C-alpha atoms as a PDB file:
ATOM      1  CA  MET A   1      25.878   8.763 -37.389  1.00  0.00           C
ATOM      2  CA  MET A   2      24.578   9.896 -33.652  1.00  0.00           C
ATOM      3  CA  MET A   3      25.204   7.730 -30.760  1.00  0.00           C
ATOM      4  CA  THR A   4      22.658   7.827 -28.152  1.00  0.00           C
ATOM      5  CA  ALA A   5      23.549   7.003 -24.607  1.00  0.00           C
ATOM      6  CA  THR A   6      21.425   4.439 -23.017  1.00  0.00           C
ATOM      7  CA  LYS A   7      20.840   4.904 -19.250  1.00  0.00           C
ATOM      8  CA  ILE A   8      22.130   2.089 -17.250  1.00  0.00           C
ATOM      9  CA  ARG A   9      19.449   0.855 -14.833  1.00  0.00           C
ATOM     10  CA  PRO A  10      20.381   1.637 -11.221  1.00  0.00           C
ATOM     11  CA  ALA A  11      21.106  -1.213  -8.901  1.00  0.00           C
ATOM     12  CA  GLY A  12      18.552  -0.148  -6.642  1.00  0.00           C
ATOM     13  CA  LEU A  13      15.960  -0.134  -9.071  1.00  0.00           C
ATOM     14  CA  LEU A  14      17.238  -3.744 -10.591  1.00  0.00           C
ATOM     15  CA  ALA A  15      16.465  -5.158  -6.639  1.00  0.00           C
ATOM     16  CA  ILE A  16      13.228  -3.792  -6.868  1.00  0.00           C
ATOM     17  CA  ASP A  17      12.776  -5.440 -10.461  1.00  0.00           C
ATOM     18  CA  ARG A  18      13.458  -8.785  -8.827  1.00  0.00           C
ATOM     19  CA  GLU A  19      11.239  -8.293  -5.991  1.00  0.00           C
ATOM     20  CA  MET A  20       8.420  -7.409  -8.259  1.00  0.00           C
ATOM     21  CA  ALA A  21       8.817 -10.267 -10.745  1.00  0.00           C
ATOM     22  CA  ARG A  22       8.167 -12.811  -7.799  1.00  0.00           C
ATOM     23  CA  GLN A  23       5.972 -10.843  -5.926  1.00  0.00           C
ATOM     24  CA  HIS A  24       2.359 -12.404  -7.273  1.00  0.00           C
ATOM     25  CA  THR A  25       4.056 -15.942  -6.945  1.00  0.00           C
ATOM     26  CA  ASP A  26       4.707 -15.151  -3.587  1.00  0.00           C
ATOM     27  CA  ALA A  27       1.474 -13.636  -2.643  1.00  0.00           C
ATOM     28  CA  ARG A  28      -0.386 -16.654  -3.998  1.00  0.00           C
ATOM     29  CA  ALA A  29       1.705 -18.939  -1.760  1.00  0.00           C
ATOM     30  CA  SER A  30       1.438 -16.843   1.019  1.00  0.00           C
ATOM     31  CA  PHE A  31      -2.547 -16.840   1.013  1.00  0.00           C
ATOM     32  CA  GLU A  32      -2.444 -20.724   0.853  1.00  0.00           C
ATOM     33  CA  SER A  33       0.182 -21.415   3.459  1.00  0.00           C
ATOM     34  CA  ASN A  34      -1.292 -19.320   6.223  1.00  0.00           C
ATOM     35  CA  ALA A  35      -4.828 -20.695   6.466  1.00  0.00           C
ATOM     36  CA  ALA A  36      -4.407 -22.196   9.929  1.00  0.00           C
ATOM     37  CA  MET A  37      -3.120 -19.141  11.431  1.00  0.00           C
ATOM     38  CA  ALA A  38      -5.520 -16.954   9.502  1.00  0.00           C
ATOM     39  CA  ALA A  39      -8.022 -19.006  11.238  1.00  0.00           C
ATOM     40  CA  ASN A  40      -6.880 -18.342  14.586  1.00  0.00           C
ATOM     41  CA  VAL A  41      -6.666 -14.658  13.984  1.00  0.00           C
ATOM     42  CA  ALA A  42     -10.289 -14.511  12.812  1.00  0.00           C
ATOM     43  CA  ALA A  43     -11.509 -16.391  15.496  1.00  0.00           C
ATOM     44  CA  SER A  44      -9.935 -13.753  17.950  1.00  0.00           C
ATOM     45  CA  ILE A  45     -11.474 -11.072  15.798  1.00  0.00           C
ATOM     46  CA  ARG A  46     -15.122 -12.840  16.016  1.00  0.00           C
ATOM     47  CA  LYS A  47     -14.505 -13.130  19.767  1.00  0.00           C
ATOM     48  CA  THR A  48     -13.646  -9.375  20.438  1.00  0.00           C
ATOM     49  CA  GLY A  49     -15.376  -7.906  17.399  1.00  0.00           C
ATOM     50  CA  ARG A  50     -12.542  -4.939  17.354  1.00  0.00           C
ATOM     51  CA  LEU A  51      -9.195  -4.998  15.513  1.00  0.00           C
ATOM     52  CA  LEU A  52      -6.456  -2.713  16.001  1.00  0.00           C
ATOM     53  CA  LEU A  53      -3.837  -2.584  13.059  1.00  0.00           C
ATOM     54  CA  LEU A  54      -0.425  -1.247  13.712  1.00  0.00           C
ATOM     55  CA  GLY A  55       2.520  -0.947  11.538  1.00  0.00           C
ATOM     56  CA  MET A  56       5.153   1.775  10.294  1.00  0.00           C
ATOM     57  CA  GLY A  57       5.648   3.004   6.616  1.00  0.00           C
ATOM     58  CA  GLY A  58       4.308   0.551   3.843  1.00  0.00           C
ATOM     59  CA  SER A  59       2.899  -1.676   6.819  1.00  0.00           C
ATOM     60  CA  HIS A  60       0.583   0.883   7.858  1.00  0.00           C
ATOM     61  CA  ALA A  61      -0.379   1.630   4.717  1.00  0.00           C
ATOM     62  CA  VAL A  62      -1.372  -1.627   4.022  1.00  0.00           C
ATOM     63  CA  GLY A  63      -3.301  -1.278   7.509  1.00  0.00           C
ATOM     64  CA  ARG A  64      -5.130   1.782   5.955  1.00  0.00           C
ATOM     65  CA  ALA A  65      -5.885  -0.099   2.872  1.00  0.00           C
ATOM     66  CA  VAL A  66      -7.472  -3.082   4.478  1.00  0.00           C
ATOM     67  CA  GLU A  67      -9.584  -1.154   7.307  1.00  0.00           C
ATOM     68  CA  PRO A  68     -12.548  -0.516   5.295  1.00  0.00           C
ATOM     69  CA  LEU A  69     -12.691  -4.214   4.517  1.00  0.00           C
ATOM     70  CA  TYR A  70     -12.703  -5.397   8.061  1.00  0.00           C
ATOM     71  CA  ARG A  71     -15.237  -2.478   8.856  1.00  0.00           C
ATOM     72  CA  ALA A  72     -17.453  -3.625   5.635  1.00  0.00           C
ATOM     73  CA  LEU A  73     -17.846  -7.213   7.875  1.00  0.00           C
ATOM     74  CA  GLY A  74     -19.174  -5.291  10.917  1.00  0.00           C
ATOM     75  CA  ILE A  75     -15.632  -5.208  12.593  1.00  0.00           C
ATOM     76  CA  ASP A  76     -14.436  -2.228  14.506  1.00  0.00           C
ATOM     77  CA  ALA A  77     -11.339  -1.858  12.724  1.00  0.00           C
ATOM     78  CA  LEU A  78      -8.850   1.077  13.266  1.00  0.00           C
ATOM     79  CA  ALA A  79      -5.243   1.256  11.760  1.00  0.00           C
ATOM     80  CA  LEU A  80      -2.563   3.571  13.298  1.00  0.00           C
ATOM     81  CA  PRO A  81       1.170   3.933  12.925  1.00  0.00           C
ATOM     82  CA  LEU A  82       2.871   1.907  15.787  1.00  0.00           C
ATOM     83  CA  SER A  83       4.873   5.283  16.756  1.00  0.00           C
ATOM     84  CA  GLU A  84       1.463   6.766  17.618  1.00  0.00           C
ATOM     85  CA  GLN A  85       0.432   3.851  19.566  1.00  0.00           C
ATOM     86  CA  LEU A  86       3.545   4.167  21.654  1.00  0.00           C
ATOM     87  CA  GLY A  87       3.200   7.658  22.476  1.00  0.00           C
ATOM     88  CA  GLN A  88      -0.483   7.860  22.928  1.00  0.00           C
ATOM     89  CA  PRO A  89      -1.674   4.450  23.593  1.00  0.00           C
ATOM     90  CA  LEU A  90      -5.193   3.124  22.644  1.00  0.00           C
ATOM     91  CA  PRO A  91      -6.435   0.797  25.453  1.00  0.00           C
ATOM     92  CA  LEU A  92      -6.123  -2.803  24.284  1.00  0.00           C
ATOM     93  CA  ALA A  93      -8.319  -4.801  26.546  1.00  0.00           C
ATOM     94  CA  GLY A  94     -11.234  -6.209  23.904  1.00  0.00           C
ATOM     95  CA  ARG A  95      -9.312  -5.756  20.986  1.00  0.00           C
ATOM     96  CA  THR A  96      -7.319  -8.246  18.301  1.00  0.00           C
ATOM     97  CA  VAL A  97      -4.162  -6.427  17.479  1.00  0.00           C
ATOM     98  CA  LEU A  98      -2.331  -7.324  14.342  1.00  0.00           C
ATOM     99  CA  VAL A  99       1.166  -5.880  14.158  1.00  0.00           C
ATOM    100  CA  THR A 100       2.462  -5.841  10.859  1.00  0.00           C
ATOM    101  CA  SER A 101       6.487  -5.388   9.999  1.00  0.00           C
ATOM    102  CA  GLN A 102       7.534  -7.168   6.979  1.00  0.00           C
ATOM    103  CA  SER A 103      11.374  -7.568   8.595  1.00  0.00           C
ATOM    104  CA  GLY A 104       9.932  -7.795  11.958  1.00  0.00           C
ATOM    105  CA  GLU A 105      12.915  -5.975  13.420  1.00  0.00           C
ATOM    106  CA  SER A 106      12.093  -2.194  13.270  1.00  0.00           C
ATOM    107  CA  ALA A 107      12.817  -0.271  16.311  1.00  0.00           C
ATOM    108  CA  GLU A 108       9.077   0.310  16.979  1.00  0.00           C
ATOM    109  CA  VAL A 109       8.279  -3.043  17.009  1.00  0.00           C
ATOM    110  CA  VAL A 110      10.868  -3.968  19.607  1.00  0.00           C
ATOM    111  CA  ARG A 111       9.890  -1.434  21.768  1.00  0.00           C
ATOM    112  CA  TRP A 112       6.286  -1.784  21.597  1.00  0.00           C
ATOM    113  CA  PHE A 113       6.245  -5.670  23.071  1.00  0.00           C
ATOM    114  CA  ALA A 114       8.634  -4.212  25.652  1.00  0.00           C
ATOM    115  CA  GLU A 115       6.145  -2.313  26.731  1.00  0.00           C
ATOM    116  CA  ALA A 116       2.957  -3.670  25.913  1.00  0.00           C
ATOM    117  CA  GLY A 117       3.134  -6.711  28.333  1.00  0.00           C
ATOM    118  CA  ASN A 118       1.344  -9.779  27.945  1.00  0.00           C
ATOM    119  CA  THR A 119      -2.025  -9.776  25.801  1.00  0.00           C
ATOM    120  CA  ALA A 120      -3.486 -12.686  24.530  1.00  0.00           C
ATOM    121  CA  ASP A 121      -5.044 -11.404  21.332  1.00  0.00           C
ATOM    122  CA  ILE A 122      -1.701 -10.038  19.993  1.00  0.00           C
ATOM    123  CA  PHE A 123      -0.653 -11.307  16.267  1.00  0.00           C
ATOM    124  CA  GLY A 124       1.721 -10.378  13.692  1.00  0.00           C
ATOM    125  CA  LEU A 125       2.130 -10.116  10.117  1.00  0.00           C
ATOM    126  CA  THR A 126       5.608 -10.384   8.702  1.00  0.00           C
ATOM    127  CA  LEU A 127       7.898 -11.702   5.639  1.00  0.00           C
ATOM    128  CA  GLU A 128      10.728 -13.055   8.033  1.00  0.00           C
ATOM    129  CA  GLY A 129       9.912 -16.169   9.977  1.00  0.00           C
ATOM    130  CA  GLY A 130      13.115 -15.789  12.210  1.00  0.00           C
ATOM    131  CA  SER A 131      12.478 -12.332  13.344  1.00  0.00           C
ATOM    132  CA  PHE A 132      11.774 -10.673  16.620  1.00  0.00           C
ATOM    133  CA  LEU A 133       8.219 -10.208  15.805  1.00  0.00           C
ATOM    134  CA  ALA A 134       7.891 -14.029  14.432  1.00  0.00           C
ATOM    135  CA  ARG A 135       9.329 -15.268  18.073  1.00  0.00           C
ATOM    136  CA  THR A 136       7.635 -12.934  20.002  1.00  0.00           C
ATOM    137  CA  ALA A 137       3.790 -13.356  18.467  1.00  0.00           C
ATOM    138  CA  PRO A 138       2.065 -15.934  16.914  1.00  0.00           C
ATOM    139  CA  CYS A 139       2.638 -14.572  12.947  1.00  0.00           C
ATOM    140  CA  LEU A 140       1.141 -14.901   9.708  1.00  0.00           C
ATOM    141  CA  VAL A 141       4.506 -15.433   7.796  1.00  0.00           C
ATOM    142  CA  GLY A 142       4.673 -14.342   4.126  1.00  0.00           C
ATOM    143  CA  ALA A 143       6.671 -16.695   1.450  1.00  0.00           C
ATOM    144  CA  GLY A 144       9.754 -15.286  -0.187  1.00  0.00           C
ATOM    145  CA  GLY A 145      11.637 -14.195   2.938  1.00  0.00           C
ATOM    146  CA  THR A 146      12.517 -10.394   3.728  1.00  0.00           C
ATOM    147  CA  GLU A 147      12.125  -7.957   0.981  1.00  0.00           C
ATOM    148  CA  LEU A 148      15.954  -6.754   0.133  1.00  0.00           C
ATOM    149  CA  ALA A 149      14.746  -3.687  -2.188  1.00  0.00           C
ATOM    150  CA  PHE A 150      14.542  -0.627  -0.488  1.00  0.00           C
ATOM    151  CA  ALA A 151      11.006   0.898  -1.634  1.00  0.00           C
ATOM    152  CA  ALA A 152       8.014  -1.654  -0.489  1.00  0.00           C
ATOM    153  CA  THR A 153       6.364  -3.762  -3.519  1.00  0.00           C
ATOM    154  CA  ARG A 154       6.623  -7.438  -2.950  1.00  0.00           C
ATOM    155  CA  SER A 155       6.241  -7.024   0.933  1.00  0.00           C
ATOM    156  CA  LEU A 156       2.883  -5.037   0.107  1.00  0.00           C
ATOM    157  CA  THR A 157       1.482  -7.692  -2.228  1.00  0.00           C
ATOM    158  CA  VAL A 158       2.404 -10.428   0.032  1.00  0.00           C
ATOM    159  CA  THR A 159       1.028  -8.570   3.311  1.00  0.00           C
ATOM    160  CA  PHE A 160      -2.077  -7.858   1.306  1.00  0.00           C
ATOM    161  CA  ALA A 161      -2.437 -11.643   0.483  1.00  0.00           C
ATOM    162  CA  LEU A 162      -1.922 -12.610   4.428  1.00  0.00           C
ATOM    163  CA  HIS A 163      -4.740 -10.010   5.129  1.00  0.00           C
ATOM    164  CA  LEU A 164      -6.748 -11.713   2.399  1.00  0.00           C
ATOM    165  CA  ALA A 165      -6.435 -14.924   4.226  1.00  0.00           C
ATOM    166  CA  ILE A 166      -7.695 -13.455   7.299  1.00  0.00           C
ATOM    167  CA  LEU A 167     -10.727 -12.041   5.566  1.00  0.00           C
ATOM    168  CA  ALA A 168     -11.699 -15.273   3.653  1.00  0.00           C
ATOM    169  CA  ALA A 169     -11.213 -17.022   7.236  1.00  0.00           C
ATOM    170  CA  LEU A 170     -13.905 -14.354   8.442  1.00  0.00           C
ATOM    171  CA  GLY A 171     -16.276 -15.467   5.213  1.00  0.00           C
ATOM    172  CA  GLU A 172     -15.145 -13.030   2.667  1.00  0.00           C
ATOM    173  CA  ASP A 173     -15.223 -14.671  -1.013  1.00  0.00           C
ATOM    174  CA  PRO A 174     -11.553 -14.592  -1.930  1.00  0.00           C
ATOM    175  CA  THR A 175     -11.983 -15.558  -5.670  1.00  0.00           C
ATOM    176  CA  ALA A 176     -12.053 -11.937  -7.272  1.00  0.00           C
ATOM    177  CA  ALA A 177      -9.058 -10.943  -5.163  1.00  0.00           C
ATOM    178  CA  LEU A 178      -7.062 -14.261  -6.229  1.00  0.00           C
ATOM    179  CA  GLY A 179      -8.426 -13.733  -9.776  1.00  0.00           C
ATOM    180  CA  ALA A 180      -6.726 -10.215  -9.884  1.00  0.00           C
ATOM    181  CA  LEU A 181      -3.523 -11.616  -8.175  1.00  0.00           C
ATOM    182  CA  ASP A 182      -3.234 -14.185 -10.751  1.00  0.00           C
ATOM    183  CA  GLN A 183      -3.953 -12.060 -14.097  1.00  0.00           C
ATOM    184  CA  GLY A 184      -1.054  -9.655 -15.125  1.00  0.00           C
ATOM    185  CA  GLN A 185      -1.742  -6.107 -15.825  1.00  0.00           C
ATOM    186  CA  GLY A 186      -0.444  -4.838 -18.776  1.00  0.00           C
ATOM    187  CA  ASN A 187      -1.327  -1.261 -18.895  1.00  0.00           C
ATOM    188  CA  ASP A 188       0.920   1.225 -20.659  1.00  0.00           C
ATOM    189  CA  ILE A 189       2.052   3.819 -18.217  1.00  0.00           C
ATOM    190  CA  THR A 190       3.545   5.952 -21.017  1.00  0.00           C
ATOM    191  CA  GLN A 191       0.705   8.584 -20.815  1.00  0.00           C
ATOM    192  CA  ALA A 192       0.543   8.645 -17.183  1.00  0.00           C
ATOM    193  CA  LEU A 193       4.402   9.174 -17.125  1.00  0.00           C
ATOM    194  CA  ALA A 194       4.057  11.901 -19.606  1.00  0.00           C
ATOM    195  CA  ALA A 195       1.572  13.734 -17.805  1.00  0.00           C
ATOM    196  CA  LEU A 196       3.986  13.844 -14.426  1.00  0.00           C
ATOM    197  CA  GLU A 197       6.926  14.935 -16.816  1.00  0.00           C
ATOM    198  CA  LYS A 198       6.859  18.563 -15.141  1.00  0.00           C
ATOM    199  CA  VAL A 199       5.680  18.115 -11.644  1.00  0.00           C
ATOM    200  CA  THR A 200       7.891  19.164  -8.413  1.00  0.00           C
ATOM    201  CA  THR A 201       5.339  17.065  -6.275  1.00  0.00           C
ATOM    202  CA  ILE A 202       2.730  14.618  -6.415  1.00  0.00           C
ATOM    203  CA  VAL A 203      -0.346  14.047  -4.052  1.00  0.00           C
ATOM    204  CA  THR A 204      -2.234  10.811  -4.335  1.00  0.00           C
ATOM    205  CA  SER A 205      -5.777  10.505  -3.030  1.00  0.00           C
ATOM    206  CA  GLY A 206      -8.575   8.277  -2.847  1.00  0.00           C
ATOM    207  CA  ARG A 207     -11.748   7.195  -0.860  1.00  0.00           C
ATOM    208  CA  ARG A 208     -12.192   3.802  -0.102  1.00  0.00           C
ATOM    209  CA  LEU A 209      -8.695   3.071  -1.867  1.00  0.00           C
ATOM    210  CA  GLN A 210      -6.885   5.770   0.378  1.00  0.00           C
ATOM    211  CA  GLY A 211      -4.460   3.275   1.959  1.00  0.00           C
ATOM    212  CA  VAL A 212      -3.262   2.051  -1.746  1.00  0.00           C
ATOM    213  CA  ALA A 213      -2.640   5.837  -2.426  1.00  0.00           C
ATOM    214  CA  GLU A 214      -0.666   6.218   0.738  1.00  0.00           C
ATOM    215  CA  ALA A 215       1.514   3.419  -0.308  1.00  0.00           C
ATOM    216  CA  LEU A 216       2.134   4.953  -3.609  1.00  0.00           C
ATOM    217  CA  ALA A 217       2.972   8.383  -2.139  1.00  0.00           C
ATOM    218  CA  LEU A 218       5.375   6.906   0.225  1.00  0.00           C
ATOM    219  CA  GLY A 219       7.165   4.900  -2.422  1.00  0.00           C
ATOM    220  CA  LEU A 220       7.306   7.855  -4.731  1.00  0.00           C
ATOM    221  CA  THR A 221       8.733   9.875  -2.150  1.00  0.00           C
ATOM    222  CA  GLU A 222      11.377   7.221  -1.313  1.00  0.00           C
ATOM    223  CA  LEU A 223      12.560   6.718  -4.777  1.00  0.00           C
ATOM    224  CA  SER A 224      12.149  10.139  -6.321  1.00  0.00           C
ATOM    225  CA  ARG A 225      13.137  12.302  -3.380  1.00  0.00           C
ATOM    226  CA  LEU A 226      10.311  14.868  -4.186  1.00  0.00           C
ATOM    227  CA  PRO A 227       7.868  15.529  -1.772  1.00  0.00           C
ATOM    228  CA  CYS A 228       4.952  13.282  -2.590  1.00  0.00           C
ATOM    229  CA  PHE A 229       2.465  12.719  -0.212  1.00  0.00           C
ATOM    230  CA  SER A 230      -1.325  11.638   0.478  1.00  0.00           C
ATOM    231  CA  LEU A 231      -4.462  13.129   1.258  1.00  0.00           C
ATOM    232  CA  GLU A 232      -7.483  11.164   1.757  1.00  0.00           C
ATOM    233  CA  GLY A 233     -10.204  12.615  -0.742  1.00  0.00           C
ATOM    234  CA  GLY A 234     -12.219  14.633   1.751  1.00  0.00           C
ATOM    235  CA  GLN A 235      -9.308  16.089   3.367  1.00  0.00           C
ATOM    236  CA  LEU A 236      -7.780  17.201  -0.129  1.00  0.00           C
ATOM    237  CA  ARG A 237     -10.965  19.026  -0.664  1.00  0.00           C
ATOM    238  CA  HIS A 238     -10.954  21.051   2.675  1.00  0.00           C
ATOM    239  CA  GLY A 239      -8.277  23.711   2.158  1.00  0.00           C
ATOM    240  CA  PRO A 240      -5.482  21.685   0.240  1.00  0.00           C
ATOM    241  CA  MET A 241      -7.069  22.347  -3.076  1.00  0.00           C
ATOM    242  CA  GLU A 242      -5.166  25.818  -3.093  1.00  0.00           C
ATOM    243  CA  MET A 243      -1.667  23.977  -3.932  1.00  0.00           C
ATOM    244  CA  LEU A 244      -3.248  22.908  -6.978  1.00  0.00           C
ATOM    245  CA  GLY A 245      -1.550  23.784 -10.374  1.00  0.00           C
ATOM    246  CA  PRO A 246       0.692  22.660 -13.451  1.00  0.00           C
ATOM    247  CA  LYS A 247       3.458  21.936 -10.932  1.00  0.00           C
ATOM    248  CA  VAL A 248       1.353  19.786  -8.761  1.00  0.00           C
ATOM    249  CA  GLY A 249       0.680  16.336 -10.148  1.00  0.00           C
ATOM    250  CA  VAL A 250      -2.530  14.457  -8.683  1.00  0.00           C
ATOM    251  CA  ILE A 251      -3.138  10.723  -8.896  1.00  0.00           C
ATOM    252  CA  LEU A 252      -6.484   9.477  -7.852  1.00  0.00           C
ATOM    253  CA  PHE A 253      -7.849   5.954  -7.286  1.00  0.00           C
ATOM    254  CA  ARG A 254     -11.210   5.194  -8.081  1.00  0.00           C
ATOM    255  CA  GLY A 255     -13.106   1.865  -7.462  1.00  0.00           C
ATOM    256  CA  ASN A 256     -16.210   0.132  -8.143  1.00  0.00           C
ATOM    257  CA  ASP A 257     -17.833   1.253  -4.898  1.00  0.00           C
ATOM    258  CA  PRO A 258     -20.376   3.679  -3.586  1.00  0.00           C
ATOM    259  CA  THR A 259     -17.342   6.373  -2.979  1.00  0.00           C
ATOM    260  CA  ALA A 260     -16.722   6.431  -6.616  1.00  0.00           C
ATOM    261  CA  GLU A 261     -18.697   9.510  -7.440  1.00  0.00           C
ATOM    262  CA  LEU A 262     -16.841  11.579  -5.112  1.00  0.00           C
ATOM    263  CA  VAL A 263     -13.576  10.589  -6.471  1.00  0.00           C
ATOM    264  CA  THR A 264     -15.098  11.681  -9.842  1.00  0.00           C
ATOM    265  CA  ALA A 265     -15.947  14.992  -8.718  1.00  0.00           C
ATOM    266  CA  MET A 266     -12.538  15.386  -7.217  1.00  0.00           C
ATOM    267  CA  ALA A 267     -11.070  14.538 -10.755  1.00  0.00           C
ATOM    268  CA  LEU A 268     -13.248  17.021 -12.262  1.00  0.00           C
ATOM    269  CA  SER A 269     -12.114  19.861  -9.990  1.00  0.00           C
ATOM    270  CA  VAL A 270      -8.393  18.816 -10.727  1.00  0.00           C
ATOM    271  CA  VAL A 271      -8.702  19.216 -14.274  1.00  0.00           C
ATOM    272  CA  GLU A 272     -10.423  22.550 -13.830  1.00  0.00           C
ATOM    273  CA  ALA A 273      -7.292  23.854 -11.375  1.00  0.00           C
ATOM    274  CA  GLY A 274      -4.845  22.731 -14.212  1.00  0.00           C
ATOM    275  CA  ALA A 275      -3.130  20.074 -12.150  1.00  0.00           C
ATOM    276  CA  PRO A 276      -1.696  17.160 -14.275  1.00  0.00           C
ATOM    277  CA  LEU A 277      -4.084  14.289 -13.374  1.00  0.00           C
ATOM    278  CA  VAL A 278      -3.655  10.361 -13.330  1.00  0.00           C
ATOM    279  CA  ILE A 279      -6.285   8.177 -12.689  1.00  0.00           C
ATOM    280  CA  PHE A 280      -6.274   4.524 -11.540  1.00  0.00           C
ATOM    281  CA  ASP A 281      -9.855   3.583 -12.657  1.00  0.00           C
ATOM    282  CA  ALA A 282     -11.364   0.278 -11.585  1.00  0.00           C
ATOM    283  CA  SER A 283     -15.065   1.805 -11.470  1.00  0.00           C
ATOM    284  CA  GLY A 284     -16.374   0.873 -14.674  1.00  0.00           C
ATOM    285  CA  GLN A 285     -17.507   4.535 -14.997  1.00  0.00           C
ATOM    286  CA  PRO A 286     -16.696   6.603 -18.335  1.00  0.00           C
ATOM    287  CA  PRO A 287     -12.957   8.378 -18.186  1.00  0.00           C
ATOM    288  CA  ILE A 288     -12.858  11.786 -17.129  1.00  0.00           C
ATOM    289  CA  GLU A 289     -11.624  14.355 -19.791  1.00  0.00           C
ATOM    290  CA  GLY A 290      -8.369  15.937 -19.417  1.00  0.00           C
ATOM    291  CA  ALA A 291      -7.035  12.758 -17.336  1.00  0.00           C
ATOM    292  CA  ALA A 292      -4.277  10.245 -18.173  1.00  0.00           C
ATOM    293  CA  THR A 293      -6.345   7.180 -17.163  1.00  0.00           C
ATOM    294  CA  LEU A 294      -5.248   3.650 -16.214  1.00  0.00           C
ATOM    295  CA  SER A 295      -8.333   1.347 -16.622  1.00  0.00           C
ATOM    296  CA  PHE A 296      -8.862  -1.915 -14.922  1.00  0.00           C
ATOM    297  CA  LYS A 297     -11.803  -4.124 -14.753  1.00  0.00           C
ATOM    298  CA  PRO A 298     -14.563  -3.098 -12.485  1.00  0.00           C
ATOM    299  CA  ALA A 299     -13.341  -4.301  -8.743  1.00  0.00           C
ATOM    300  CA  SER A 300     -13.306  -3.212  -5.383  1.00  0.00           C
ATOM    301  CA  GLY A 301     -11.568  -4.048  -2.236  1.00  0.00           C
ATOM    302  CA  LEU A 302      -8.446  -6.306  -2.585  1.00  0.00           C
ATOM    303  CA  ALA A 303      -9.369  -7.289  -6.172  1.00  0.00           C
ATOM    304  CA  ALA A 304      -8.998  -3.632  -7.185  1.00  0.00           C
ATOM    305  CA  VAL A 305      -5.975  -3.320  -4.843  1.00  0.00           C
ATOM    306  CA  PHE A 306      -4.074  -6.345  -6.631  1.00  0.00           C
ATOM    307  CA  ALA A 307      -4.972  -5.211 -10.024  1.00  0.00           C
ATOM    308  CA  MET A 308      -3.794  -1.654  -9.496  1.00  0.00           C
ATOM    309  CA  LEU A 309      -0.578  -2.002  -7.317  1.00  0.00           C
ATOM    310  CA  PRO A 310       1.532  -3.718  -9.959  1.00  0.00           C
ATOM    311  CA  VAL A 311       1.041  -0.598 -12.389  1.00  0.00           C
ATOM    312  CA  ALA A 312       1.309   1.931  -9.688  1.00  0.00           C
ATOM    313  CA  GLN A 313       4.821   0.314  -8.635  1.00  0.00           C
ATOM    314  CA  ARG A 314       5.836   0.395 -12.355  1.00  0.00           C
ATOM    315  CA  LEU A 315       4.812   3.936 -12.724  1.00  0.00           C
ATOM    316  CA  MET A 316       6.343   4.777  -9.447  1.00  0.00           C
ATOM    317  CA  ILE A 317       9.712   3.303 -10.789  1.00  0.00           C
ATOM    318  CA  ALA A 318       9.409   4.860 -13.910  1.00  0.00           C
ATOM    319  CA  PHE A 319       8.955   8.479 -12.508  1.00  0.00           C
ATOM    320  CA  ALA A 320      11.617   8.043 -10.270  1.00  0.00           C
ATOM    321  CA  ASP A 321      13.891   6.634 -12.782  1.00  0.00           C
ATOM    322  CA  SER A 322      13.186   9.953 -14.654  1.00  0.00           C
ATOM    323  CA  ARG A 323      14.150  12.189 -11.942  1.00  0.00           C
ATOM    324  CA  VAL A 324      17.090  10.762 -10.284  1.00  0.00           C
ATOM    325  CA  ASP A 325      20.320   9.230 -11.335  1.00  0.00           C
ATOM    326  CA  ASN A 326      20.678   6.353  -8.617  1.00  0.00           C
ATOM    327  CA  ALA A 327      16.647   5.768  -7.722  1.00  0.00           C
ATOM    328  CA  GLY A 328      16.207   2.860  -5.282  1.00  0.00           C
ATOM    329  CA  THR A 329      19.289   3.786  -3.266  1.00  0.00           C
ATOM    330  CA  PRO A 330      18.794   5.397  -0.033  1.00  0.00           C
ATOM    331  CA  VAL A 331      20.727   8.480   0.886  1.00  0.00           C
ATOM    332  CA  ARG A 332      19.032   9.176   4.241  1.00  0.00           C
ATOM    333  CA  SER A 333      17.211   6.113   5.155  1.00  0.00           C
ATOM    334  CA  THR A 334      17.840   2.216   5.680  1.00  0.00           C
ATOM    335  CA  LYS A 335      15.897  -0.517   4.775  1.00  0.00           C
ATOM    336  CA  ILE A 336      15.334  -1.721   8.340  1.00  0.00           C
ATOM    337  CA  THR A 337      14.573   1.361  10.168  1.00  0.00           C
ATOM    338  CA  ARG A 338      16.348   0.446  13.792  1.00  0.00           C
ATOM    339  CA  SER A 339      16.170   3.808  15.235  1.00  0.00           C
ATOM    340  CA  GLU A 340      12.910   5.754  16.525  1.00  0.00           C
END
């Protein structure tokens, strides 16, 4: 009788599993416990009409994801990496600034506050109530404390919930987003994982959901150690299509919004180019032939994000686990980046 070896789940992935297991409970608690501070941030945004979202890594990806949601409310919202603001700063006068750092301790956060001086309309989003950021600026603080695992999972979900609190204070109805947060997503990722079995790189892309695509690309790179990156749909169209082929996997995000047709057109082009394609689809439109589709009920904005994110996390982890032996244990990075 043949014995088959069972792969032991790496410690780094077990740590991520623990974070993910409580991310929805923590996100719900974060939304409910930050109403007062969210109202203060909303009042500032109403006053200025302009919002600058600063962060690094996954925190910046969250900024990119919520940028269009604030813009839809008539707010002049812009997400920039904090490192870029340090080197080539936008003027802060007349802007509400949201600095996001899950640890509240990253090198750029510490230096930026040392250089920015006092501005009345600076707020923070963090998971750590005792952090440098939380001591320095009025903060929305996510429930559950600092994320301990390497790649961002719970910290993303919790930070999106903090933004939902701000958007709700600005008058957005949070019902659909909270419904998606409360409802478990049981999508089978087997077909999607199989589609990516032989690729050497993955490109993620979206239109209005581009920020989620960027968060996934970061996590894929961190965990699988393969060069995975993200290009906004239009940017992917303008030249980089040349790279497409059997070894380049593409993951697209399609929501129930006016940009869905553009994502559909890109999907057809990817299939035609012979690149393996996975689609996270909350558009309500028919699936694309030749793509591995992960379907969700029609949704846009944070409702789509909360539905897709846990499934994207599971795919990211399974892909990494199939490629490296000790996925989730960084070899060249640290959880809190304290050097620039």
